[in-house]
Amino acid sequence: MFFQPAAEAKIAHIDVADIARVAAKVLTEEGHVGKAYDLSGPEAWRKSAVEMGIPELYADALVDLNRFYKDDGMAVVLPAVEAITGKKPRTFHEFGKDNVSSFR
């Protein structure tokens, strides 16, 4: 489980593998010069939790970021990953299933 002080915010987390696939496409194929892409995961989900025991500077930055999350600033599900790579982005469930051993 990922703990964030984001109350009931919806967040469309993106898998780093999807970011890497997009980067590989835009860096090796024509048509991307001067373009910027907003990326997201394939779904926005909510989970509430509270982070504890982290350094104050990091905690302040995390609180600011999570205020943005709380306002559903990351709830938008965008088509760029699939449009650029031709593959649907991995769901958070797929990411968790593939990396479950890292969280035990």
C-alpha atoms as a PDB file:
ATOM      1  CA  MET A   1       0.000   0.000   0.000  1.00  0.00           C
ATOM      2  CA  PHE A   2       1.167   3.507  -0.743  1.00  0.00           C
ATOM      3  CA  PHE A   3       0.534   5.925   2.104  1.00  0.00           C
ATOM      4  CA  GLN A   4      -0.176   9.544   1.214  1.00  0.00           C
ATOM      5  CA  PRO A   5      -1.862  12.354   3.126  1.00  0.00           C
ATOM      6  CA  ALA A   6      -4.303  12.819   0.254  1.00  0.00           C
ATOM      7  CA  ALA A   7      -7.555  12.056   2.085  1.00  0.00           C
ATOM      8  CA  GLU A   8     -10.048  10.728  -0.471  1.00  0.00           C
ATOM      9  CA  ALA A   9      -8.338  12.184  -3.564  1.00  0.00           C
ATOM     10  CA  LYS A  10      -8.467  10.351  -6.873  1.00  0.00           C
ATOM     11  CA  ILE A  11      -5.041   9.872  -8.443  1.00  0.00           C
ATOM     12  CA  ALA A  12      -4.248   8.437 -11.890  1.00  0.00           C
ATOM     13  CA  HIS A  13      -0.817   7.005 -11.011  1.00  0.00           C
ATOM     14  CA  ILE A  14       1.390   6.135 -13.971  1.00  0.00           C
ATOM     15  CA  ASP A  15       3.801   3.209 -14.083  1.00  0.00           C
ATOM     16  CA  VAL A  16       7.428   4.176 -14.697  1.00  0.00           C
ATOM     17  CA  ALA A  17       7.489   1.518 -17.437  1.00  0.00           C
ATOM     18  CA  ASP A  18       4.806   3.501 -19.305  1.00  0.00           C
ATOM     19  CA  ILE A  19       6.845   6.689 -18.916  1.00  0.00           C
ATOM     20  CA  ALA A  20       9.906   4.869 -20.271  1.00  0.00           C
ATOM     21  CA  ARG A  21       7.964   3.532 -23.279  1.00  0.00           C
ATOM     22  CA  VAL A  22       6.714   7.026 -24.101  1.00  0.00           C
ATOM     23  CA  ALA A  23      10.234   8.451 -23.723  1.00  0.00           C
ATOM     24  CA  ALA A  24      11.671   5.783 -26.028  1.00  0.00           C
ATOM     25  CA  LYS A  25       9.086   6.574 -28.706  1.00  0.00           C
ATOM     26  CA  VAL A  26       9.426  10.344 -28.577  1.00  0.00           C
ATOM     27  CA  LEU A  27      13.221  10.192 -28.559  1.00  0.00           C
ATOM     28  CA  THR A  28      13.537   7.755 -31.450  1.00  0.00           C
ATOM     29  CA  GLU A  29      10.649   8.588 -33.791  1.00  0.00           C
ATOM     30  CA  GLU A  30       9.812  11.597 -35.913  1.00  0.00           C
ATOM     31  CA  GLY A  31       7.035  14.045 -35.096  1.00  0.00           C
ATOM     32  CA  HIS A  32       7.660  14.854 -31.464  1.00  0.00           C
ATOM     33  CA  VAL A  33      10.010  17.863 -31.672  1.00  0.00           C
ATOM     34  CA  GLY A  34       8.592  20.821 -29.744  1.00  0.00           C
ATOM     35  CA  LYS A  35       5.729  18.779 -28.314  1.00  0.00           C
ATOM     36  CA  ALA A  36       4.902  18.164 -24.662  1.00  0.00           C
ATOM     37  CA  TYR A  37       2.726  15.335 -23.419  1.00  0.00           C
ATOM     38  CA  ASP A  38       0.711  15.078 -20.219  1.00  0.00           C
ATOM     39  CA  LEU A  39       0.791  11.445 -19.103  1.00  0.00           C
ATOM     40  CA  SER A  40      -1.347   9.468 -16.681  1.00  0.00           C
ATOM     41  CA  GLY A  41      -2.162   5.941 -15.708  1.00  0.00           C
ATOM     42  CA  PRO A  42      -5.290   4.297 -17.124  1.00  0.00           C
ATOM     43  CA  GLU A  43      -7.486   4.868 -14.093  1.00  0.00           C
ATOM     44  CA  ALA A  44      -7.942   7.254 -11.179  1.00  0.00           C
ATOM     45  CA  TRP A  45      -8.471   5.570  -7.826  1.00  0.00           C
ATOM     46  CA  ARG A  46      -8.672   6.733  -4.252  1.00  0.00           C
ATOM     47  CA  LYS A  47      -7.089   5.503  -1.061  1.00  0.00           C
ATOM     48  CA  SER A  48      -6.705   7.469   2.157  1.00  0.00           C
ATOM     49  CA  ALA A  49      -3.701   7.215   4.478  1.00  0.00           C
ATOM     50  CA  VAL A  50      -1.293   9.316   6.570  1.00  0.00           C
ATOM     51  CA  GLU A  51       2.478   9.419   6.161  1.00  0.00           C
ATOM     52  CA  MET A  52       4.510   9.501   9.368  1.00  0.00           C
ATOM     53  CA  GLY A  53       8.149   9.813  10.375  1.00  0.00           C
ATOM     54  CA  ILE A  54       9.584  11.642   7.362  1.00  0.00           C
ATOM     55  CA  PRO A  55      11.896  14.718   7.387  1.00  0.00           C
ATOM     56  CA  GLU A  56      10.083  18.060   7.750  1.00  0.00           C
ATOM     57  CA  LEU A  57      11.268  19.501   4.424  1.00  0.00           C
ATOM     58  CA  TYR A  58      10.093  16.410   2.552  1.00  0.00           C
ATOM     59  CA  ALA A  59       6.856  16.326   4.542  1.00  0.00           C
ATOM     60  CA  ASP A  60       6.084  19.948   3.599  1.00  0.00           C
ATOM     61  CA  ALA A  61       6.658  19.208  -0.090  1.00  0.00           C
ATOM     62  CA  LEU A  62       4.579  16.043   0.160  1.00  0.00           C
ATOM     63  CA  VAL A  63       1.725  17.925   1.817  1.00  0.00           C
ATOM     64  CA  ASP A  64       1.734  20.512  -0.990  1.00  0.00           C
ATOM     65  CA  LEU A  65       1.763  17.784  -3.617  1.00  0.00           C
ATOM     66  CA  ASN A  66      -1.019  15.921  -1.878  1.00  0.00           C
ATOM     67  CA  ARG A  67      -3.170  19.047  -1.613  1.00  0.00           C
ATOM     68  CA  PHE A  68      -3.006  19.007  -5.414  1.00  0.00           C
ATOM     69  CA  TYR A  69      -3.977  15.318  -5.359  1.00  0.00           C
ATOM     70  CA  LYS A  70      -6.777  16.016  -2.871  1.00  0.00           C
ATOM     71  CA  ASP A  71      -8.260  18.513  -5.316  1.00  0.00           C
ATOM     72  CA  ASP A  72      -8.254  15.680  -7.887  1.00  0.00           C
ATOM     73  CA  GLY A  73      -5.413  17.386  -9.762  1.00  0.00           C
ATOM     74  CA  MET A  74      -4.177  13.969 -10.925  1.00  0.00           C
ATOM     75  CA  ALA A  75      -7.568  12.347 -11.596  1.00  0.00           C
ATOM     76  CA  VAL A  76      -7.523  13.008 -15.318  1.00  0.00           C
ATOM     77  CA  VAL A  77      -6.997   9.836 -17.352  1.00  0.00           C
ATOM     78  CA  LEU A  78      -5.178  10.817 -20.542  1.00  0.00           C
ATOM     79  CA  PRO A  79      -4.704   8.964 -23.863  1.00  0.00           C
ATOM     80  CA  ALA A  80      -1.065   9.915 -24.597  1.00  0.00           C
ATOM     81  CA  VAL A  81       0.638   6.660 -23.472  1.00  0.00           C
ATOM     82  CA  GLU A  82      -1.497   4.504 -25.756  1.00  0.00           C
ATOM     83  CA  ALA A  83      -1.508   7.054 -28.580  1.00  0.00           C
ATOM     84  CA  ILE A  84       2.313   7.237 -28.618  1.00  0.00           C
ATOM     85  CA  THR A  85       3.236   3.620 -27.855  1.00  0.00           C
ATOM     86  CA  GLY A  86       0.282   1.757 -29.341  1.00  0.00           C
ATOM     87  CA  LYS A  87      -0.162  -0.072 -26.017  1.00  0.00           C
ATOM     88  CA  LYS A  88      -2.561   0.626 -23.169  1.00  0.00           C
ATOM     89  CA  PRO A  89      -0.815   1.822 -19.995  1.00  0.00           C
ATOM     90  CA  ARG A  90      -0.522  -0.705 -17.190  1.00  0.00           C
ATOM     91  CA  THR A  91      -3.082  -0.442 -14.414  1.00  0.00           C
ATOM     92  CA  PHE A  92      -2.002   0.130 -10.835  1.00  0.00           C
ATOM     93  CA  HIS A  93      -3.232  -3.411 -10.116  1.00  0.00           C
ATOM     94  CA  GLU A  94      -0.880  -4.798 -12.793  1.00  0.00           C
ATOM     95  CA  PHE A  95       2.025  -2.764 -11.366  1.00  0.00           C
ATOM     96  CA  GLY A  96       1.281  -4.076  -7.856  1.00  0.00           C
ATOM     97  CA  LYS A  97       0.962  -7.679  -9.018  1.00  0.00           C
ATOM     98  CA  ASP A  98       4.280  -7.484 -10.895  1.00  0.00           C
ATOM     99  CA  ASN A  99       6.091  -5.835  -7.966  1.00  0.00           C
ATOM    100  CA  VAL A 100       4.404  -7.348  -4.912  1.00  0.00           C
ATOM    101  CA  SER A 101       7.670  -8.797  -3.604  1.00  0.00           C
ATOM    102  CA  SER A 102       9.138  -5.283  -3.350  1.00  0.00           C
ATOM    103  CA  PHE A 103       6.446  -4.292  -0.841  1.00  0.00           C
ATOM    104  CA  ARG A 104       6.737  -7.209   1.578  1.00  0.00           C
END
